[in-house]
Protein backbone atom coordinates (compact mmCIF):
# COMPACT_ATOMS: atom_id res chain seq x y z
CA UNK A 1 0.00 0.00 0.00
CA UNK A 2 2.69 2.50 1.02
CA UNK A 3 4.86 1.47 -1.93
CA UNK A 4 1.95 1.99 -4.35
CA UNK A 5 1.19 5.46 -2.95
CA UNK A 6 4.83 6.48 -3.27
CA UNK A 7 5.16 5.03 -6.77
CA UNK A 8 2.02 6.92 -7.81
CA UNK A 9 3.46 10.20 -6.50
CA UNK A 10 6.82 9.60 -8.16
CA UNK A 11 5.18 8.55 -11.42
CA UNK A 12 3.04 11.69 -11.48
CA UNK A 13 5.88 14.04 -10.54
CA UNK A 14 8.47 12.57 -12.92
CA UNK A 15 6.03 11.57 -15.65
CA UNK A 16 7.40 8.04 -15.45
CA UNK A 17 5.62 4.76 -16.13
CA UNK A 18 4.46 3.51 -12.70
CA UNK A 19 4.76 -0.11 -13.80
CA UNK A 20 8.48 0.40 -14.47
CA UNK A 21 9.21 1.84 -11.00
CA UNK A 22 10.66 -0.64 -8.50
CA UNK A 23 12.20 -0.38 -5.02
CA UNK A 24 15.60 -0.42 -6.73
CA UNK A 25 14.79 2.45 -9.11
CA UNK A 26 17.17 5.36 -8.51
CA UNK A 27 15.38 8.70 -8.46
CA UNK A 28 18.03 10.62 -10.40
CA UNK A 29 19.87 8.06 -12.51
CA UNK A 30 16.96 5.79 -13.48
CA UNK A 31 13.91 8.07 -13.26
CA UNK A 32 15.51 11.33 -14.39
CA UNK A 33 14.73 13.45 -11.34
CA UNK A 34 16.58 16.73 -10.95
CA UNK A 35 16.92 18.78 -7.78
CA UNK A 36 13.68 20.66 -8.43
CA UNK A 37 11.79 17.38 -8.98
CA UNK A 38 13.20 16.00 -5.74
CA UNK A 39 12.14 19.08 -3.75
CA UNK A 40 8.59 18.96 -5.13
CA UNK A 41 8.48 15.22 -4.47
CA UNK A 42 9.58 15.80 -0.86
CA UNK A 43 6.82 18.40 -0.40
CA UNK A 44 4.26 16.03 -1.95
CA UNK A 45 5.38 13.20 0.35
CA UNK A 46 5.16 15.48 3.39
CA UNK A 47 1.63 16.55 2.43
CA UNK A 48 0.46 13.04 1.51
CA UNK A 49 1.72 11.35 4.68
CA UNK A 50 1.55 14.32 7.08
CA UNK A 51 5.24 14.02 7.94
CA UNK A 52 8.29 16.27 8.07
CA UNK A 53 11.32 15.03 6.15
CA UNK A 54 14.56 16.28 7.67
CA UNK A 55 16.84 18.26 5.34
CA UNK A 56 19.81 15.99 6.08
CA UNK A 57 17.73 12.90 5.20
CA UNK A 58 16.97 14.17 1.71
CA UNK A 59 20.49 13.41 0.51
CA UNK A 60 20.19 9.79 1.68
CA UNK A 61 17.03 9.08 -0.31
CA UNK A 62 18.56 7.69 -3.51
CA UNK A 63 16.11 4.93 -4.47
CA UNK A 64 12.38 4.41 -4.28
CA UNK A 65 13.07 1.79 -1.59
CA UNK A 66 14.98 4.38 0.46
CA UNK A 67 11.93 6.64 0.35
CA UNK A 68 9.56 3.83 1.34
CA UNK A 69 11.79 2.72 4.22
CA UNK A 70 12.26 6.28 5.48
CA UNK A 71 8.53 7.00 5.53
CA UNK A 72 7.83 3.68 7.26
CA UNK A 73 10.35 4.66 9.98
CA UNK A 74 8.71 8.06 10.43
CA UNK A 75 5.28 6.51 10.70
CA UNK A 76 6.60 4.12 13.35
PDB file of N, CA and C in Angstrom:
ATOM      1  N   UNK A   1       0.832  -1.202   0.000  1.00  0.00           N
ATOM      2  CA  UNK A   1       0.000   0.000   0.000  1.00  0.00           C
ATOM      3  C   UNK A   1       0.872   1.260   0.000  1.00  0.00           C
ATOM      4  N   UNK A   2       1.798   1.353   0.947  1.00  0.00           N
ATOM      5  CA  UNK A   2       2.687   2.503   1.020  1.00  0.00           C
ATOM      6  C   UNK A   2       3.516   2.610  -0.256  1.00  0.00           C
ATOM      7  N   UNK A   3       4.047   1.488  -0.698  1.00  0.00           N
ATOM      8  CA  UNK A   3       4.856   1.475  -1.925  1.00  0.00           C
ATOM      9  C   UNK A   3       4.044   2.003  -3.102  1.00  0.00           C
ATOM     10  N   UNK A   4       2.793   1.552  -3.231  1.00  0.00           N
ATOM     11  CA  UNK A   4       1.950   1.988  -4.346  1.00  0.00           C
ATOM     12  C   UNK A   4       1.705   3.492  -4.276  1.00  0.00           C
ATOM     13  N   UNK A   5       1.426   4.019  -3.091  1.00  0.00           N
ATOM     14  CA  UNK A   5       1.189   5.456  -2.948  1.00  0.00           C
ATOM     15  C   UNK A   5       2.427   6.255  -3.368  1.00  0.00           C
ATOM     16  N   UNK A   6       3.588   5.790  -2.950  1.00  0.00           N
ATOM     17  CA  UNK A   6       4.826   6.484  -3.268  1.00  0.00           C
ATOM     18  C   UNK A   6       5.122   6.380  -4.765  1.00  0.00           C
ATOM     19  N   UNK A   7       4.938   5.202  -5.332  1.00  0.00           N
ATOM     20  CA  UNK A   7       5.156   5.029  -6.770  1.00  0.00           C
ATOM     21  C   UNK A   7       4.220   5.942  -7.558  1.00  0.00           C
ATOM     22  N   UNK A   8       2.976   6.048  -7.125  1.00  0.00           N
ATOM     23  CA  UNK A   8       2.020   6.923  -7.812  1.00  0.00           C
ATOM     24  C   UNK A   8       2.482   8.381  -7.777  1.00  0.00           C
ATOM     25  N   UNK A   9       2.958   8.826  -6.613  1.00  0.00           N
ATOM     26  CA  UNK A   9       3.460  10.198  -6.495  1.00  0.00           C
ATOM     27  C   UNK A   9       4.675  10.420  -7.393  1.00  0.00           C
ATOM     28  N   UNK A  10       5.601   9.488  -7.360  1.00  0.00           N
ATOM     29  CA  UNK A  10       6.817   9.603  -8.161  1.00  0.00           C
ATOM     30  C   UNK A  10       6.466   9.583  -9.649  1.00  0.00           C
ATOM     31  N   UNK A  11       5.595   8.676 -10.024  1.00  0.00           N
ATOM     32  CA  UNK A  11       5.184   8.551 -11.416  1.00  0.00           C
ATOM     33  C   UNK A  11       4.566   9.853 -11.922  1.00  0.00           C
ATOM     34  N   UNK A  12       3.700  10.439 -11.109  1.00  0.00           N
ATOM     35  CA  UNK A  12       3.039  11.686 -11.485  1.00  0.00           C
ATOM     36  C   UNK A  12       4.049  12.830 -11.581  1.00  0.00           C
ATOM     37  N   UNK A  13       4.906  12.942 -10.587  1.00  0.00           N
ATOM     38  CA  UNK A  13       5.878  14.035 -10.543  1.00  0.00           C
ATOM     39  C   UNK A  13       6.901  13.941 -11.671  1.00  0.00           C
ATOM     40  N   UNK A  14       7.388  12.742 -11.941  1.00  0.00           N
ATOM     41  CA  UNK A  14       8.466  12.570 -12.918  1.00  0.00           C
ATOM     42  C   UNK A  14       7.965  12.131 -14.291  1.00  0.00           C
ATOM     43  N   UNK A  15       6.640  12.020 -14.404  1.00  0.00           N
ATOM     44  CA  UNK A  15       6.029  11.568 -15.653  1.00  0.00           C
ATOM     45  C   UNK A  15       6.676  10.261 -16.129  1.00  0.00           C
ATOM     46  N   UNK A  16       6.805   9.345 -15.181  1.00  0.00           N
ATOM     47  CA  UNK A  16       7.400   8.036 -15.451  1.00  0.00           C
ATOM     48  C   UNK A  16       6.311   6.968 -15.411  1.00  0.00           C
ATOM     49  N   UNK A  17       6.546   5.880 -16.094  1.00  0.00           N
ATOM     50  CA  UNK A  17       5.618   4.758 -16.130  1.00  0.00           C
ATOM     51  C   UNK A  17       5.642   4.056 -14.771  1.00  0.00           C
ATOM     52  N   UNK A  18       4.530   4.093 -14.050  1.00  0.00           N
ATOM     53  CA  UNK A  18       4.465   3.511 -12.705  1.00  0.00           C
ATOM     54  C   UNK A  18       4.828   2.028 -12.708  1.00  0.00           C
ATOM     55  N   UNK A  19       4.485   1.321 -13.765  1.00  0.00           N
ATOM     56  CA  UNK A  19       4.765  -0.114 -13.796  1.00  0.00           C
ATOM     57  C   UNK A  19       6.258  -0.403 -13.920  1.00  0.00           C
ATOM     58  N   UNK A  20       7.034   0.590 -14.317  1.00  0.00           N
ATOM     59  CA  UNK A  20       8.483   0.403 -14.466  1.00  0.00           C
ATOM     60  C   UNK A  20       9.255   0.816 -13.207  1.00  0.00           C
ATOM     61  N   UNK A  21       8.560   1.363 -12.220  1.00  0.00           N
ATOM     62  CA  UNK A  21       9.215   1.842 -11.001  1.00  0.00           C
ATOM     63  C   UNK A  21       9.261   0.712  -9.977  1.00  0.00           C
ATOM     64  N   UNK A  22      10.466   0.406  -9.503  1.00  0.00           N
ATOM     65  CA  UNK A  22      10.661  -0.638  -8.497  1.00  0.00           C
ATOM     66  C   UNK A  22      11.349  -0.034  -7.280  1.00  0.00           C
ATOM     67  N   UNK A  23      11.482  -0.835  -6.221  1.00  0.00           N
ATOM     68  CA  UNK A  23      12.204  -0.384  -5.023  1.00  0.00           C
ATOM     69  C   UNK A  23      13.640   0.000  -5.359  1.00  0.00           C
ATOM     70  N   UNK A  24      14.209  -0.649  -6.371  1.00  0.00           N
ATOM     71  CA  UNK A  24      15.603  -0.417  -6.727  1.00  0.00           C
ATOM     72  C   UNK A  24      15.782   0.776  -7.659  1.00  0.00           C
ATOM     73  N   UNK A  25      14.691   1.323  -8.186  1.00  0.00           N
ATOM     74  CA  UNK A  25      14.791   2.454  -9.112  1.00  0.00           C
ATOM     75  C   UNK A  25      15.439   3.646  -8.408  1.00  0.00           C
ATOM     76  N   UNK A  26      16.487   4.182  -9.054  1.00  0.00           N
ATOM     77  CA  UNK A  26      17.170   5.356  -8.509  1.00  0.00           C
ATOM     78  C   UNK A  26      16.461   6.603  -9.020  1.00  0.00           C
ATOM     79  N   UNK A  27      16.164   7.516  -8.109  1.00  0.00           N
ATOM     80  CA  UNK A  27      15.378   8.699  -8.459  1.00  0.00           C
ATOM     81  C   UNK A  27      16.043   9.523  -9.552  1.00  0.00           C
ATOM     82  N   UNK A  28      17.332   9.771  -9.435  1.00  0.00           N
ATOM     83  CA  UNK A  28      18.030  10.619 -10.397  1.00  0.00           C
ATOM     84  C   UNK A  28      18.479   9.826 -11.619  1.00  0.00           C
ATOM     85  N   UNK A  29      19.252   8.783 -11.396  1.00  0.00           N
ATOM     86  CA  UNK A  29      19.866   8.056 -12.509  1.00  0.00           C
ATOM     87  C   UNK A  29      18.852   7.296 -13.363  1.00  0.00           C
ATOM     88  N   UNK A  30      17.895   6.627 -12.729  1.00  0.00           N
ATOM     89  CA  UNK A  30      16.957   5.793 -13.478  1.00  0.00           C
ATOM     90  C   UNK A  30      15.686   6.535 -13.883  1.00  0.00           C
ATOM     91  N   UNK A  31      15.206   7.433 -13.016  1.00  0.00           N
ATOM     92  CA  UNK A  31      13.914   8.075 -13.259  1.00  0.00           C
ATOM     93  C   UNK A  31      14.039   9.512 -13.748  1.00  0.00           C
ATOM     94  N   UNK A  32      15.272  10.013 -13.798  1.00  0.00           N
ATOM     95  CA  UNK A  32      15.508  11.329 -14.390  1.00  0.00           C
ATOM     96  C   UNK A  32      15.153  12.520 -13.526  1.00  0.00           C
ATOM     97  N   UNK A  33      15.061  12.333 -12.226  1.00  0.00           N
ATOM     98  CA  UNK A  33      14.730  13.451 -11.340  1.00  0.00           C
ATOM     99  C   UNK A  33      15.898  14.430 -11.270  1.00  0.00           C
ATOM    100  N   UNK A  34      15.565  15.721 -11.233  1.00  0.00           N
ATOM    101  CA  UNK A  34      16.581  16.730 -10.952  1.00  0.00           C
ATOM    102  C   UNK A  34      16.283  17.312  -9.578  1.00  0.00           C
ATOM    103  N   UNK A  35      17.082  18.265  -9.144  1.00  0.00           N
ATOM    104  CA  UNK A  35      16.922  18.778  -7.779  1.00  0.00           C
ATOM    105  C   UNK A  35      15.547  19.408  -7.559  1.00  0.00           C
ATOM    106  N   UNK A  36      15.017  20.067  -8.570  1.00  0.00           N
ATOM    107  CA  UNK A  36      13.679  20.662  -8.430  1.00  0.00           C
ATOM    108  C   UNK A  36      12.618  19.572  -8.286  1.00  0.00           C
ATOM    109  N   UNK A  37      12.739  18.501  -9.092  1.00  0.00           N
ATOM    110  CA  UNK A  37      11.795  17.381  -8.977  1.00  0.00           C
ATOM    111  C   UNK A  37      11.841  16.778  -7.581  1.00  0.00           C
ATOM    112  N   UNK A  38      13.044  16.614  -7.061  1.00  0.00           N
ATOM    113  CA  UNK A  38      13.205  16.002  -5.737  1.00  0.00           C
ATOM    114  C   UNK A  38      12.554  16.874  -4.677  1.00  0.00           C
ATOM    115  N   UNK A  39      12.739  18.187  -4.754  1.00  0.00           N
ATOM    116  CA  UNK A  39      12.145  19.078  -3.750  1.00  0.00           C
ATOM    117  C   UNK A  39      10.615  19.038  -3.806  1.00  0.00           C
ATOM    118  N   UNK A  40      10.054  19.044  -5.004  1.00  0.00           N
ATOM    119  CA  UNK A  40       8.595  18.955  -5.133  1.00  0.00           C
ATOM    120  C   UNK A  40       8.104  17.614  -4.621  1.00  0.00           C
ATOM    121  N   UNK A  41       8.839  16.559  -4.945  1.00  0.00           N
ATOM    122  CA  UNK A  41       8.476  15.222  -4.470  1.00  0.00           C
ATOM    123  C   UNK A  41       8.484  15.171  -2.946  1.00  0.00           C
ATOM    124  N   UNK A  42       9.499  15.755  -2.330  1.00  0.00           N
ATOM    125  CA  UNK A  42       9.577  15.795  -0.864  1.00  0.00           C
ATOM    126  C   UNK A  42       8.353  16.517  -0.294  1.00  0.00           C
ATOM    127  N   UNK A  43       8.000  17.650  -0.880  1.00  0.00           N
ATOM    128  CA  UNK A  43       6.820  18.398  -0.398  1.00  0.00           C
ATOM    129  C   UNK A  43       5.543  17.578  -0.578  1.00  0.00           C
ATOM    130  N   UNK A  44       5.431  16.878  -1.721  1.00  0.00           N
ATOM    131  CA  UNK A  44       4.263  16.026  -1.954  1.00  0.00           C
ATOM    132  C   UNK A  44       4.187  14.898  -0.926  1.00  0.00           C
ATOM    133  N   UNK A  45       5.333  14.278  -0.639  1.00  0.00           N
ATOM    134  CA  UNK A  45       5.376  13.198   0.352  1.00  0.00           C
ATOM    135  C   UNK A  45       4.985  13.722   1.735  1.00  0.00           C
ATOM    136  N   UNK A  46       5.497  14.896   2.085  1.00  0.00           N
ATOM    137  CA  UNK A  46       5.158  15.480   3.391  1.00  0.00           C
ATOM    138  C   UNK A  46       3.669  15.746   3.499  1.00  0.00           C
ATOM    139  N   UNK A  47       3.073  16.272   2.439  1.00  0.00           N
ATOM    140  CA  UNK A  47       1.634  16.546   2.431  1.00  0.00           C
ATOM    141  C   UNK A  47       0.825  15.252   2.474  1.00  0.00           C
ATOM    142  N   UNK A  48       1.202  14.299   1.632  1.00  0.00           N
ATOM    143  CA  UNK A  48       0.459  13.041   1.515  1.00  0.00           C
ATOM    144  C   UNK A  48       0.448  12.254   2.825  1.00  0.00           C
ATOM    145  N   UNK A  49       1.591  12.207   3.499  1.00  0.00           N
ATOM    146  CA  UNK A  49       1.723  11.355   4.681  1.00  0.00           C
ATOM    147  C   UNK A  49       1.757  12.138   5.992  1.00  0.00           C
ATOM    148  N   UNK A  50       1.564  13.465   5.895  1.00  0.00           N
ATOM    149  CA  UNK A  50       1.547  14.318   7.084  1.00  0.00           C
ATOM    150  C   UNK A  50       2.797  14.106   7.943  1.00  0.00           C
ATOM    151  N   UNK A  51       3.951  14.208   7.282  1.00  0.00           N
ATOM    152  CA  UNK A  51       5.236  14.020   7.944  1.00  0.00           C
ATOM    153  C   UNK A  51       6.138  15.200   7.644  1.00  0.00           C
ATOM    154  N   UNK A  52       7.262  15.272   8.350  1.00  0.00           N
ATOM    155  CA  UNK A  52       8.289  16.269   8.074  1.00  0.00           C
ATOM    156  C   UNK A  52       9.578  15.524   7.756  1.00  0.00           C
ATOM    157  N   UNK A  53      10.080  15.685   6.554  1.00  0.00           N
ATOM    158  CA  UNK A  53      11.325  15.031   6.153  1.00  0.00           C
ATOM    159  C   UNK A  53      12.476  15.971   6.469  1.00  0.00           C
ATOM    160  N   UNK A  54      13.411  15.474   7.258  1.00  0.00           N
ATOM    161  CA  UNK A  54      14.559  16.280   7.666  1.00  0.00           C
ATOM    162  C   UNK A  54      15.435  16.610   6.464  1.00  0.00           C
ATOM    163  N   UNK A  55      15.983  17.839   6.450  1.00  0.00           N
ATOM    164  CA  UNK A  55      16.841  18.260   5.339  1.00  0.00           C
ATOM    165  C   UNK A  55      18.019  17.313   5.125  1.00  0.00           C
ATOM    166  N   UNK A  56      18.638  16.858   6.221  1.00  0.00           N
ATOM    167  CA  UNK A  56      19.812  15.989   6.078  1.00  0.00           C
ATOM    168  C   UNK A  56      19.432  14.596   5.576  1.00  0.00           C
ATOM    169  N   UNK A  57      18.166  14.218   5.688  1.00  0.00           N
ATOM    170  CA  UNK A  57      17.727  12.902   5.198  1.00  0.00           C
ATOM    171  C   UNK A  57      17.537  12.913   3.689  1.00  0.00           C
ATOM    172  N   UNK A  58      17.259  14.076   3.135  1.00  0.00           N
ATOM    173  CA  UNK A  58      16.965  14.171   1.708  1.00  0.00           C
ATOM    174  C   UNK A  58      18.115  13.612   0.877  1.00  0.00           C
ATOM    175  N   UNK A  59      19.342  13.873   1.283  1.00  0.00           N
ATOM    176  CA  UNK A  59      20.494  13.412   0.507  1.00  0.00           C
ATOM    177  C   UNK A  59      20.684  11.900   0.594  1.00  0.00           C
ATOM    178  N   UNK A  60      20.047  11.244   1.544  1.00  0.00           N
ATOM    179  CA  UNK A  60      20.194   9.792   1.682  1.00  0.00           C
ATOM    180  C   UNK A  60      19.126   9.027   0.907  1.00  0.00           C
ATOM    181  N   UNK A  61      18.136   9.730   0.392  1.00  0.00           N
ATOM    182  CA  UNK A  61      17.032   9.083  -0.313  1.00  0.00           C
ATOM    183  C   UNK A  61      17.384   8.970  -1.795  1.00  0.00           C
ATOM    184  N   UNK A  62      18.065   7.885  -2.144  1.00  0.00           N
ATOM    185  CA  UNK A  62      18.558   7.693  -3.509  1.00  0.00           C
ATOM    186  C   UNK A  62      17.626   6.834  -4.355  1.00  0.00           C
ATOM    187  N   UNK A  63      16.985   5.843  -3.730  1.00  0.00           N
ATOM    188  CA  UNK A  63      16.113   4.926  -4.473  1.00  0.00           C
ATOM    189  C   UNK A  63      14.677   5.029  -3.948  1.00  0.00           C
ATOM    190  N   UNK A  64      13.776   4.464  -4.707  1.00  0.00           N
ATOM    191  CA  UNK A  64      12.377   4.408  -4.276  1.00  0.00           C
ATOM    192  C   UNK A  64      12.288   3.638  -2.951  1.00  0.00           C
ATOM    193  N   UNK A  65      13.049   2.567  -2.833  1.00  0.00           N
ATOM    194  CA  UNK A  65      13.066   1.787  -1.594  1.00  0.00           C
ATOM    195  C   UNK A  65      13.532   2.610  -0.407  1.00  0.00           C
ATOM    196  N   UNK A  66      14.514   3.486  -0.622  1.00  0.00           N
ATOM    197  CA  UNK A  66      14.982   4.378   0.455  1.00  0.00           C
ATOM    198  C   UNK A  66      13.832   5.254   0.942  1.00  0.00           C
ATOM    199  N   UNK A  67      13.060   5.775   0.005  1.00  0.00           N
ATOM    200  CA  UNK A  67      11.930   6.644   0.348  1.00  0.00           C
ATOM    201  C   UNK A  67      10.885   5.859   1.140  1.00  0.00           C
ATOM    202  N   UNK A  68      10.549   4.670   0.662  1.00  0.00           N
ATOM    203  CA  UNK A  68       9.556   3.831   1.339  1.00  0.00           C
ATOM    204  C   UNK A  68      10.016   3.511   2.766  1.00  0.00           C
ATOM    205  N   UNK A  69      11.264   3.077   2.898  1.00  0.00           N
ATOM    206  CA  UNK A  69      11.786   2.718   4.217  1.00  0.00           C
ATOM    207  C   UNK A  69      11.803   3.918   5.160  1.00  0.00           C
ATOM    208  N   UNK A  70      12.195   5.064   4.663  1.00  0.00           N
ATOM    209  CA  UNK A  70      12.257   6.279   5.483  1.00  0.00           C
ATOM    210  C   UNK A  70      10.873   6.666   5.998  1.00  0.00           C
ATOM    211  N   UNK A  71       9.887   6.631   5.109  1.00  0.00           N
ATOM    212  CA  UNK A  71       8.534   6.997   5.527  1.00  0.00           C
ATOM    213  C   UNK A  71       7.976   5.978   6.516  1.00  0.00           C
ATOM    214  N   UNK A  72       8.272   4.707   6.306  1.00  0.00           N
ATOM    215  CA  UNK A  72       7.829   3.685   7.265  1.00  0.00           C
ATOM    216  C   UNK A  72       8.426   3.954   8.645  1.00  0.00           C
ATOM    217  N   UNK A  73       9.702   4.344   8.693  1.00  0.00           N
ATOM    218  CA  UNK A  73      10.350   4.658   9.976  1.00  0.00           C
ATOM    219  C   UNK A  73       9.658   5.849  10.642  1.00  0.00           C
ATOM    220  N   UNK A  74       9.358   6.880   9.869  1.00  0.00           N
ATOM    221  CA  UNK A  74       8.714   8.065  10.432  1.00  0.00           C
ATOM    222  C   UNK A  74       7.308   7.765  10.958  1.00  0.00           C
ATOM    223  N   UNK A  75       6.636   6.846  10.285  1.00  0.00           N
ATOM    224  CA  UNK A  75       5.279   6.506  10.701  1.00  0.00           C
ATOM    225  C   UNK A  75       5.270   5.544  11.889  1.00  0.00           C
ATOM    226  N   UNK A  76       6.435   4.984  12.190  1.00  0.00           N
ATOM    227  CA  UNK A  76       6.605   4.121  13.355  1.00  0.00           C
ATOM    228  C   UNK A  76       5.804   2.885  13.283  1.00  0.00           C
TER     229      UNK A  76
END
